[in-house]
Amino acid sequence: MSYKPSRRAVALEYGRRKAPVMTAKGQGEVAELIIEEAKKQGIHIAEDPQLVALLGQLELNEEIPESLYVAVSVILSWVYWLKGMEPGDEQGIVSDEV
């Protein structure tokens, strides 16, 4: 029997502050609920276990550290592209989660 690690998920909000903020995190059933809710709301989901592990060390409502700006900006640029947005368009968005 092989061991399957528990699924982990985080949610980030960007647009209200200068840096993305951790709005939810969890593993196992909680992670599944976060992912399910994101899908219901039409929020784009990126899968990056290493980034999730690093972001999972943050506290809720904590801004991401500068050391993760590049990794998160890659995900955000993907979301912008999917939504047909350009930098600066987030000013018109109340919140966006990744």
PDB file of N, CA and C in Angstrom:
ATOM      1  N   MET A   1       0.841  -1.173   0.000  1.00  0.00           N
ATOM      2  CA  MET A   1       0.000   0.000   0.000  1.00  0.00           C
ATOM      3  C   MET A   1       0.889   1.241   0.000  1.00  0.00           C
ATOM      4  N   SER A   2       0.621   2.166  -0.922  1.00  0.00           N
ATOM      5  CA  SER A   2       1.432   3.376  -0.993  1.00  0.00           C
ATOM      6  C   SER A   2       0.772   4.501  -0.199  1.00  0.00           C
ATOM      7  N   TYR A   3       1.603   5.340   0.331  1.00  0.00           N
ATOM      8  CA  TYR A   3       1.130   6.480   1.117  1.00  0.00           C
ATOM      9  C   TYR A   3       0.825   7.627   0.176  1.00  0.00           C
ATOM     10  N   LYS A   4      -0.357   8.188   0.279  1.00  0.00           N
ATOM     11  CA  LYS A   4      -0.740   9.355  -0.517  1.00  0.00           C
ATOM     12  C   LYS A   4      -0.837  10.551   0.430  1.00  0.00           C
ATOM     13  N   PRO A   5       0.039  11.548   0.223  1.00  0.00           N
ATOM     14  CA  PRO A   5       0.000  12.701   1.117  1.00  0.00           C
ATOM     15  C   PRO A   5      -1.322  13.453   1.011  1.00  0.00           C
ATOM     16  N   SER A   6      -1.696  14.067   2.099  1.00  0.00           N
ATOM     17  CA  SER A   6      -2.922  14.840   2.168  1.00  0.00           C
ATOM     18  C   SER A   6      -2.810  16.059   1.245  1.00  0.00           C
ATOM     19  N   ARG A   7      -3.872  16.347   0.525  1.00  0.00           N
ATOM     20  CA  ARG A   7      -3.886  17.503  -0.368  1.00  0.00           C
ATOM     21  C   ARG A   7      -3.878  18.789   0.457  1.00  0.00           C
ATOM     22  N   ARG A   8      -3.156  19.804  -0.031  1.00  0.00           N
ATOM     23  CA  ARG A   8      -3.077  21.090   0.651  1.00  0.00           C
ATOM     24  C   ARG A   8      -3.536  22.179  -0.298  1.00  0.00           C
ATOM     25  N   ALA A   9      -4.104  23.240   0.254  1.00  0.00           N
ATOM     26  CA  ALA A   9      -4.563  24.366  -0.565  1.00  0.00           C
ATOM     27  C   ALA A   9      -4.405  25.662   0.201  1.00  0.00           C
ATOM     28  N   VAL A  10      -4.164  26.721  -0.550  1.00  0.00           N
ATOM     29  CA  VAL A  10      -4.136  28.070   0.004  1.00  0.00           C
ATOM     30  C   VAL A  10      -4.936  28.969  -0.939  1.00  0.00           C
ATOM     31  N   ALA A  11      -5.430  30.061  -0.407  1.00  0.00           N
ATOM     32  CA  ALA A  11      -6.118  31.063  -1.221  1.00  0.00           C
ATOM     33  C   ALA A  11      -5.473  32.408  -0.947  1.00  0.00           C
ATOM     34  N   LEU A  12      -5.252  33.154  -2.023  1.00  0.00           N
ATOM     35  CA  LEU A  12      -4.658  34.476  -1.914  1.00  0.00           C
ATOM     36  C   LEU A  12      -5.632  35.508  -2.455  1.00  0.00           C
ATOM     37  N   GLU A  13      -5.621  36.661  -1.849  1.00  0.00           N
ATOM     38  CA  GLU A  13      -6.395  37.806  -2.331  1.00  0.00           C
ATOM     39  C   GLU A  13      -5.406  38.863  -2.776  1.00  0.00           C
ATOM     40  N   TYR A  14      -5.695  39.463  -3.932  1.00  0.00           N
ATOM     41  CA  TYR A  14      -4.824  40.527  -4.418  1.00  0.00           C
ATOM     42  C   TYR A  14      -5.679  41.631  -5.015  1.00  0.00           C
ATOM     43  N   GLY A  15      -5.330  42.857  -4.743  1.00  0.00           N
ATOM     44  CA  GLY A  15      -6.048  43.994  -5.294  1.00  0.00           C
ATOM     45  C   GLY A  15      -6.373  45.044  -4.252  1.00  0.00           C
ATOM     46  N   ARG A  16      -6.552  44.647  -3.021  1.00  0.00           N
ATOM     47  CA  ARG A  16      -6.870  45.617  -1.957  1.00  0.00           C
ATOM     48  C   ARG A  16      -5.607  46.179  -1.314  1.00  0.00           C
ATOM     49  N   ARG A  17      -4.564  45.394  -1.300  1.00  0.00           N
ATOM     50  CA  ARG A  17      -3.295  45.816  -0.686  1.00  0.00           C
ATOM     51  C   ARG A  17      -2.197  45.787  -1.735  1.00  0.00           C
ATOM     52  N   LYS A  18      -1.007  46.247  -1.346  1.00  0.00           N
ATOM     53  CA  LYS A  18       0.099  46.276  -2.301  1.00  0.00           C
ATOM     54  C   LYS A  18       0.669  44.880  -2.561  1.00  0.00           C
ATOM     55  N   ALA A  19       0.432  43.932  -1.666  1.00  0.00           N
ATOM     56  CA  ALA A  19       0.934  42.572  -1.852  1.00  0.00           C
ATOM     57  C   ALA A  19      -0.209  41.575  -1.622  1.00  0.00           C
ATOM     58  N   PRO A  20      -0.144  40.413  -2.265  1.00  0.00           N
ATOM     59  CA  PRO A  20      -1.163  39.394  -2.026  1.00  0.00           C
ATOM     60  C   PRO A  20      -1.193  38.971  -0.557  1.00  0.00           C
ATOM     61  N   VAL A  21      -2.383  38.601  -0.091  1.00  0.00           N
ATOM     62  CA  VAL A  21      -2.604  38.233   1.300  1.00  0.00           C
ATOM     63  C   VAL A  21      -3.198  36.820   1.352  1.00  0.00           C
ATOM     64  N   MET A  22      -2.741  36.024   2.316  1.00  0.00           N
ATOM     65  CA  MET A  22      -3.276  34.679   2.526  1.00  0.00           C
ATOM     66  C   MET A  22      -4.663  34.788   3.154  1.00  0.00           C
ATOM     67  N   THR A  23      -5.689  34.284   2.466  1.00  0.00           N
ATOM     68  CA  THR A  23      -7.052  34.382   2.986  1.00  0.00           C
ATOM     69  C   THR A  23      -7.608  33.054   3.475  1.00  0.00           C
ATOM     70  N   ALA A  24      -7.003  31.945   3.054  1.00  0.00           N
ATOM     71  CA  ALA A  24      -7.451  30.631   3.517  1.00  0.00           C
ATOM     72  C   ALA A  24      -6.327  29.630   3.305  1.00  0.00           C
ATOM     73  N   LYS A  25      -6.294  28.626   4.158  1.00  0.00           N
ATOM     74  CA  LYS A  25      -5.333  27.545   3.974  1.00  0.00           C
ATOM     75  C   LYS A  25      -5.863  26.314   4.691  1.00  0.00           C
ATOM     76  N   GLY A  26      -5.449  25.152   4.218  1.00  0.00           N
ATOM     77  CA  GLY A  26      -5.871  23.921   4.866  1.00  0.00           C
ATOM     78  C   GLY A  26      -5.322  22.708   4.149  1.00  0.00           C
ATOM     79  N   GLN A  27      -5.524  21.569   4.768  1.00  0.00           N
ATOM     80  CA  GLN A  27      -5.113  20.316   4.143  1.00  0.00           C
ATOM     81  C   GLN A  27      -6.213  19.283   4.318  1.00  0.00           C
ATOM     82  N   GLY A  28      -6.152  18.243   3.529  1.00  0.00           N
ATOM     83  CA  GLY A  28      -7.166  17.200   3.599  1.00  0.00           C
ATOM     84  C   GLY A  28      -8.542  17.720   3.220  1.00  0.00           C
ATOM     85  N   GLU A  29      -9.508  17.475   4.069  1.00  0.00           N
ATOM     86  CA  GLU A  29     -10.893  17.888   3.797  1.00  0.00           C
ATOM     87  C   GLU A  29     -11.029  19.405   3.675  1.00  0.00           C
ATOM     88  N   VAL A  30     -10.297  20.140   4.490  1.00  0.00           N
ATOM     89  CA  VAL A  30     -10.365  21.608   4.426  1.00  0.00           C
ATOM     90  C   VAL A  30      -9.837  22.084   3.069  1.00  0.00           C
ATOM     91  N   ALA A  31      -8.751  21.486   2.600  1.00  0.00           N
ATOM     92  CA  ALA A  31      -8.206  21.842   1.290  1.00  0.00           C
ATOM     93  C   ALA A  31      -9.227  21.562   0.198  1.00  0.00           C
ATOM     94  N   GLU A  32      -9.884  20.428   0.280  1.00  0.00           N
ATOM     95  CA  GLU A  32     -10.903  20.083  -0.720  1.00  0.00           C
ATOM     96  C   GLU A  32     -12.040  21.104  -0.711  1.00  0.00           C
ATOM     97  N   LEU A  33     -12.429  21.561   0.470  1.00  0.00           N
ATOM     98  CA  LEU A  33     -13.488  22.574   0.572  1.00  0.00           C
ATOM     99  C   LEU A  33     -13.048  23.907  -0.027  1.00  0.00           C
ATOM    100  N   ILE A  34     -11.792  24.295   0.203  1.00  0.00           N
ATOM    101  CA  ILE A  34     -11.258  25.532  -0.371  1.00  0.00           C
ATOM    102  C   ILE A  34     -11.288  25.442  -1.890  1.00  0.00           C
ATOM    103  N   ILE A  35     -10.841  24.330  -2.424  1.00  0.00           N
ATOM    104  CA  ILE A  35     -10.801  24.133  -3.877  1.00  0.00           C
ATOM    105  C   ILE A  35     -12.207  24.095  -4.453  1.00  0.00           C
ATOM    106  N   GLU A  36     -13.107  23.388  -3.788  1.00  0.00           N
ATOM    107  CA  GLU A  36     -14.497  23.295  -4.237  1.00  0.00           C
ATOM    108  C   GLU A  36     -15.152  24.682  -4.282  1.00  0.00           C
ATOM    109  N   GLU A  37     -14.942  25.475  -3.233  1.00  0.00           N
ATOM    110  CA  GLU A  37     -15.525  26.814  -3.183  1.00  0.00           C
ATOM    111  C   GLU A  37     -14.934  27.710  -4.282  1.00  0.00           C
ATOM    112  N   ALA A  38     -13.636  27.597  -4.503  1.00  0.00           N
ATOM    113  CA  ALA A  38     -13.000  28.386  -5.562  1.00  0.00           C
ATOM    114  C   ALA A  38     -13.612  28.043  -6.921  1.00  0.00           C
ATOM    115  N   LYS A  39     -13.811  26.764  -7.173  1.00  0.00           N
ATOM    116  CA  LYS A  39     -14.413  26.344  -8.442  1.00  0.00           C
ATOM    117  C   LYS A  39     -15.829  26.887  -8.578  1.00  0.00           C
ATOM    118  N   LYS A  40     -16.606  26.838  -7.498  1.00  0.00           N
ATOM    119  CA  LYS A  40     -17.974  27.365  -7.525  1.00  0.00           C
ATOM    120  C   LYS A  40     -17.994  28.841  -7.887  1.00  0.00           C
ATOM    121  N   GLN A  41     -17.001  29.583  -7.405  1.00  0.00           N
ATOM    122  CA  GLN A  41     -16.946  31.026  -7.633  1.00  0.00           C
ATOM    123  C   GLN A  41     -16.217  31.400  -8.925  1.00  0.00           C
ATOM    124  N   GLY A  42     -15.779  30.388  -9.673  1.00  0.00           N
ATOM    125  CA  GLY A  42     -15.091  30.651 -10.932  1.00  0.00           C
ATOM    126  C   GLY A  42     -13.682  31.183 -10.759  1.00  0.00           C
ATOM    127  N   ILE A  43     -13.082  30.887  -9.626  1.00  0.00           N
ATOM    128  CA  ILE A  43     -11.714  31.342  -9.342  1.00  0.00           C
ATOM    129  C   ILE A  43     -10.739  30.350  -9.952  1.00  0.00           C
ATOM    130  N   HIS A  44      -9.748  30.876 -10.647  1.00  0.00           N
ATOM    131  CA  HIS A  44      -8.750  30.024 -11.286  1.00  0.00           C
ATOM    132  C   HIS A  44      -7.864  29.362 -10.235  1.00  0.00           C
ATOM    133  N   ILE A  45      -7.531  28.092 -10.482  1.00  0.00           N
ATOM    134  CA  ILE A  45      -6.742  27.307  -9.538  1.00  0.00           C
ATOM    135  C   ILE A  45      -5.440  26.891 -10.205  1.00  0.00           C
ATOM    136  N   ALA A  46      -4.344  27.177  -9.541  1.00  0.00           N
ATOM    137  CA  ALA A  46      -3.027  26.747 -10.008  1.00  0.00           C
ATOM    138  C   ALA A  46      -2.511  25.698  -9.030  1.00  0.00           C
ATOM    139  N   GLU A  47      -1.885  24.662  -9.564  1.00  0.00           N
ATOM    140  CA  GLU A  47      -1.341  23.616  -8.700  1.00  0.00           C
ATOM    141  C   GLU A  47       0.173  23.713  -8.669  1.00  0.00           C
ATOM    142  N   ASP A  48       0.713  24.026  -7.512  1.00  0.00           N
ATOM    143  CA  ASP A  48       2.154  24.131  -7.301  1.00  0.00           C
ATOM    144  C   ASP A  48       2.436  23.718  -5.864  1.00  0.00           C
ATOM    145  N   PRO A  49       2.644  22.419  -5.629  1.00  0.00           N
ATOM    146  CA  PRO A  49       2.820  21.914  -4.261  1.00  0.00           C
ATOM    147  C   PRO A  49       3.937  22.596  -3.473  1.00  0.00           C
ATOM    148  N   GLN A  50       5.029  22.941  -4.140  1.00  0.00           N
ATOM    149  CA  GLN A  50       6.132  23.595  -3.427  1.00  0.00           C
ATOM    150  C   GLN A  50       5.735  24.997  -2.970  1.00  0.00           C
ATOM    151  N   LEU A  51       5.054  25.735  -3.843  1.00  0.00           N
ATOM    152  CA  LEU A  51       4.610  27.075  -3.474  1.00  0.00           C
ATOM    153  C   LEU A  51       3.550  27.006  -2.378  1.00  0.00           C
ATOM    154  N   VAL A  52       2.651  26.045  -2.473  1.00  0.00           N
ATOM    155  CA  VAL A  52       1.624  25.871  -1.434  1.00  0.00           C
ATOM    156  C   VAL A  52       2.283  25.561  -0.090  1.00  0.00           C
ATOM    157  N   ALA A  53       3.325  24.742  -0.099  1.00  0.00           N
ATOM    158  CA  ALA A  53       4.023  24.422   1.154  1.00  0.00           C
ATOM    159  C   ALA A  53       4.632  25.677   1.774  1.00  0.00           C
ATOM    160  N   LEU A  54       5.221  26.531   0.953  1.00  0.00           N
ATOM    161  CA  LEU A  54       5.816  27.775   1.466  1.00  0.00           C
ATOM    162  C   LEU A  54       4.741  28.739   1.951  1.00  0.00           C
ATOM    163  N   LEU A  55       3.682  28.900   1.152  1.00  0.00           N
ATOM    164  CA  LEU A  55       2.605  29.813   1.542  1.00  0.00           C
ATOM    165  C   LEU A  55       1.854  29.299   2.764  1.00  0.00           C
ATOM    166  N   GLY A  56       1.797  27.990   2.925  1.00  0.00           N
ATOM    167  CA  GLY A  56       1.101  27.387   4.058  1.00  0.00           C
ATOM    168  C   GLY A  56       1.741  27.713   5.401  1.00  0.00           C
ATOM    169  N   GLN A  57       2.968  28.217   5.374  1.00  0.00           N
ATOM    170  CA  GLN A  57       3.650  28.606   6.610  1.00  0.00           C
ATOM    171  C   GLN A  57       3.199  29.980   7.107  1.00  0.00           C
ATOM    172  N   LEU A  58       2.491  30.725   6.246  1.00  0.00           N
ATOM    173  CA  LEU A  58       2.007  32.051   6.630  1.00  0.00           C
ATOM    174  C   LEU A  58       0.772  31.937   7.515  1.00  0.00           C
ATOM    175  N   GLU A  59       0.506  32.996   8.244  1.00  0.00           N
ATOM    176  CA  GLU A  59      -0.712  33.093   9.040  1.00  0.00           C
ATOM    177  C   GLU A  59      -1.818  33.670   8.167  1.00  0.00           C
ATOM    178  N   LEU A  60      -3.062  33.392   8.504  1.00  0.00           N
ATOM    179  CA  LEU A  60      -4.179  33.966   7.764  1.00  0.00           C
ATOM    180  C   LEU A  60      -4.112  35.487   7.816  1.00  0.00           C
ATOM    181  N   ASN A  61      -4.474  36.126   6.721  1.00  0.00           N
ATOM    182  CA  ASN A  61      -4.466  37.582   6.554  1.00  0.00           C
ATOM    183  C   ASN A  61      -3.065  38.195   6.567  1.00  0.00           C
ATOM    184  N   GLU A  62      -2.045  37.369   6.401  1.00  0.00           N
ATOM    185  CA  GLU A  62      -0.668  37.854   6.342  1.00  0.00           C
ATOM    186  C   GLU A  62      -0.279  38.075   4.882  1.00  0.00           C
ATOM    187  N   GLU A  63       0.406  39.201   4.604  1.00  0.00           N
ATOM    188  CA  GLU A  63       0.913  39.448   3.258  1.00  0.00           C
ATOM    189  C   GLU A  63       2.019  38.449   2.951  1.00  0.00           C
ATOM    190  N   ILE A  64       2.113  38.069   1.675  1.00  0.00           N
ATOM    191  CA  ILE A  64       3.188  37.152   1.309  1.00  0.00           C
ATOM    192  C   ILE A  64       4.525  37.877   1.450  1.00  0.00           C
ATOM    193  N   PRO A  65       5.590  37.152   1.803  1.00  0.00           N
ATOM    194  CA  PRO A  65       6.900  37.798   1.948  1.00  0.00           C
ATOM    195  C   PRO A  65       7.504  38.118   0.575  1.00  0.00           C
ATOM    196  N   GLU A  66       8.382  39.088   0.548  1.00  0.00           N
ATOM    197  CA  GLU A  66       9.040  39.492  -0.697  1.00  0.00           C
ATOM    198  C   GLU A  66       9.735  38.321  -1.369  1.00  0.00           C
ATOM    199  N   SER A  67      10.216  37.358  -0.609  1.00  0.00           N
ATOM    200  CA  SER A  67      10.922  36.213  -1.185  1.00  0.00           C
ATOM    201  C   SER A  67      10.017  35.362  -2.075  1.00  0.00           C
ATOM    202  N   LEU A  68       8.690  35.516  -1.950  1.00  0.00           N
ATOM    203  CA  LEU A  68       7.757  34.743  -2.780  1.00  0.00           C
ATOM    204  C   LEU A  68       7.091  35.590  -3.862  1.00  0.00           C
ATOM    205  N   TYR A  69       7.458  36.863  -3.980  1.00  0.00           N
ATOM    206  CA  TYR A  69       6.850  37.751  -4.978  1.00  0.00           C
ATOM    207  C   TYR A  69       6.963  37.179  -6.397  1.00  0.00           C
ATOM    208  N   VAL A  70       8.144  36.710  -6.765  1.00  0.00           N
ATOM    209  CA  VAL A  70       8.339  36.228  -8.137  1.00  0.00           C
ATOM    210  C   VAL A  70       7.468  35.010  -8.407  1.00  0.00           C
ATOM    211  N   ALA A  71       7.472  34.051  -7.508  1.00  0.00           N
ATOM    212  CA  ALA A  71       6.678  32.827  -7.707  1.00  0.00           C
ATOM    213  C   ALA A  71       5.186  33.156  -7.796  1.00  0.00           C
ATOM    214  N   VAL A  72       4.700  34.018  -6.924  1.00  0.00           N
ATOM    215  CA  VAL A  72       3.277  34.371  -6.926  1.00  0.00           C
ATOM    216  C   VAL A  72       2.948  35.232  -8.143  1.00  0.00           C
ATOM    217  N   SER A  73       3.880  36.091  -8.563  1.00  0.00           N
ATOM    218  CA  SER A  73       3.604  36.935  -9.730  1.00  0.00           C
ATOM    219  C   SER A  73       3.459  36.100 -10.997  1.00  0.00           C
ATOM    220  N   VAL A  74       4.150  34.976 -11.080  1.00  0.00           N
ATOM    221  CA  VAL A  74       3.992  34.079 -12.224  1.00  0.00           C
ATOM    222  C   VAL A  74       2.558  33.542 -12.261  1.00  0.00           C
ATOM    223  N   ILE A  75       2.044  33.137 -11.104  1.00  0.00           N
ATOM    224  CA  ILE A  75       0.668  32.638 -11.011  1.00  0.00           C
ATOM    225  C   ILE A  75      -0.314  33.767 -11.339  1.00  0.00           C
ATOM    226  N   LEU A  76      -0.088  34.949 -10.779  1.00  0.00           N
ATOM    227  CA  LEU A  76      -0.983  36.082 -11.040  1.00  0.00           C
ATOM    228  C   LEU A  76      -0.975  36.478 -12.512  1.00  0.00           C
ATOM    229  N   SER A  77       0.188  36.421 -13.159  1.00  0.00           N
ATOM    230  CA  SER A  77       0.235  36.776 -14.580  1.00  0.00           C
ATOM    231  C   SER A  77      -0.563  35.769 -15.401  1.00  0.00           C
ATOM    232  N   TRP A  78      -0.556  34.510 -14.993  1.00  0.00           N
ATOM    233  CA  TRP A  78      -1.357  33.472 -15.656  1.00  0.00           C
ATOM    234  C   TRP A  78      -2.846  33.789 -15.492  1.00  0.00           C
ATOM    235  N   VAL A  79      -3.252  34.192 -14.270  1.00  0.00           N
ATOM    236  CA  VAL A  79      -4.653  34.528 -14.018  1.00  0.00           C
ATOM    237  C   VAL A  79      -5.045  35.762 -14.844  1.00  0.00           C
ATOM    238  N   TYR A  80      -4.176  36.767 -14.882  1.00  0.00           N
ATOM    239  CA  TYR A  80      -4.449  37.960 -15.693  1.00  0.00           C
ATOM    240  C   TYR A  80      -4.690  37.540 -17.141  1.00  0.00           C
ATOM    241  N   TRP A  81      -3.804  36.701 -17.675  1.00  0.00           N
ATOM    242  CA  TRP A  81      -3.917  36.256 -19.059  1.00  0.00           C
ATOM    243  C   TRP A  81      -5.241  35.534 -19.287  1.00  0.00           C
ATOM    244  N   LEU A  82      -5.610  34.635 -18.380  1.00  0.00           N
ATOM    245  CA  LEU A  82      -6.867  33.889 -18.516  1.00  0.00           C
ATOM    246  C   LEU A  82      -8.081  34.812 -18.503  1.00  0.00           C
ATOM    247  N   LYS A  83      -7.999  35.890 -17.736  1.00  0.00           N
ATOM    248  CA  LYS A  83      -9.114  36.834 -17.620  1.00  0.00           C
ATOM    249  C   LYS A  83      -9.054  37.958 -18.650  1.00  0.00           C
ATOM    250  N   GLY A  84      -8.000  37.979 -19.464  1.00  0.00           N
ATOM    251  CA  GLY A  84      -7.858  39.050 -20.449  1.00  0.00           C
ATOM    252  C   GLY A  84      -7.545  40.387 -19.811  1.00  0.00           C
ATOM    253  N   MET A  85      -6.863  40.356 -18.664  1.00  0.00           N
ATOM    254  CA  MET A  85      -6.536  41.584 -17.933  1.00  0.00           C
ATOM    255  C   MET A  85      -5.110  42.033 -18.233  1.00  0.00           C
ATOM    256  N   GLU A  86      -4.822  43.278 -17.885  1.00  0.00           N
ATOM    257  CA  GLU A  86      -3.478  43.829 -17.974  1.00  0.00           C
ATOM    258  C   GLU A  86      -3.107  44.408 -16.616  1.00  0.00           C
ATOM    259  N   PRO A  87      -1.795  44.571 -16.347  1.00  0.00           N
ATOM    260  CA  PRO A  87      -1.403  45.168 -15.066  1.00  0.00           C
ATOM    261  C   PRO A  87      -2.115  46.500 -14.848  1.00  0.00           C
ATOM    262  N   GLY A  88      -2.598  46.701 -13.638  1.00  0.00           N
ATOM    263  CA  GLY A  88      -3.344  47.909 -13.292  1.00  0.00           C
ATOM    264  C   GLY A  88      -4.839  47.674 -13.294  1.00  0.00           C
ATOM    265  N   ASP A  89      -5.290  46.646 -14.029  1.00  0.00           N
ATOM    266  CA  ASP A  89      -6.715  46.332 -14.064  1.00  0.00           C
ATOM    267  C   ASP A  89      -7.240  45.866 -12.710  1.00  0.00           C
ATOM    268  N   GLU A  90      -6.350  45.396 -11.833  1.00  0.00           N
ATOM    269  CA  GLU A  90      -6.793  44.888 -10.525  1.00  0.00           C
ATOM    270  C   GLU A  90      -7.388  45.993  -9.666  1.00  0.00           C
ATOM    271  N   GLN A  91      -7.124  47.228  -9.999  1.00  0.00           N
ATOM    272  CA  GLN A  91      -7.699  48.328  -9.234  1.00  0.00           C
ATOM    273  C   GLN A  91      -9.212  48.322  -9.299  1.00  0.00           C
ATOM    274  N   GLY A  92      -9.764  47.741 -10.359  1.00  0.00           N
ATOM    275  CA  GLY A  92     -11.210  47.668 -10.499  1.00  0.00           C
ATOM    276  C   GLY A  92     -11.812  46.397  -9.930  1.00  0.00           C
ATOM    277  N   ILE A  93     -10.970  45.542  -9.354  1.00  0.00           N
ATOM    278  CA  ILE A  93     -11.428  44.281  -8.794  1.00  0.00           C
ATOM    279  C   ILE A  93     -11.474  44.404  -7.297  1.00  0.00           C
ATOM    280  N   VAL A  94     -12.536  43.964  -6.678  1.00  0.00           N
ATOM    281  CA  VAL A  94     -12.637  43.998  -5.223  1.00  0.00           C
ATOM    282  C   VAL A  94     -11.685  42.990  -4.625  1.00  0.00           C
ATOM    283  N   SER A  95     -11.692  41.762  -5.134  1.00  0.00           N
ATOM    284  CA  SER A  95     -10.749  40.746  -4.671  1.00  0.00           C
ATOM    285  C   SER A  95     -10.600  39.668  -5.704  1.00  0.00           C
ATOM    286  N   ASP A  96      -9.480  38.995  -5.673  1.00  0.00           N
ATOM    287  CA  ASP A  96      -9.219  37.893  -6.575  1.00  0.00           C
ATOM    288  C   ASP A  96      -8.391  36.876  -5.815  1.00  0.00           C
ATOM    289  N   GLU A  97      -8.772  35.623  -5.895  1.00  0.00           N
ATOM    290  CA  GLU A  97      -8.047  34.584  -5.167  1.00  0.00           C
ATOM    291  C   GLU A  97      -7.387  33.647  -6.147  1.00  0.00           C
ATOM    292  N   VAL A  98      -6.220  33.141  -5.740  1.00  0.00           N
ATOM    293  CA  VAL A  98      -5.471  32.193  -6.537  1.00  0.00           C
ATOM    294  C   VAL A  98      -5.278  30.949  -5.714  1.00  0.00           C
TER     295      VAL A  98
END
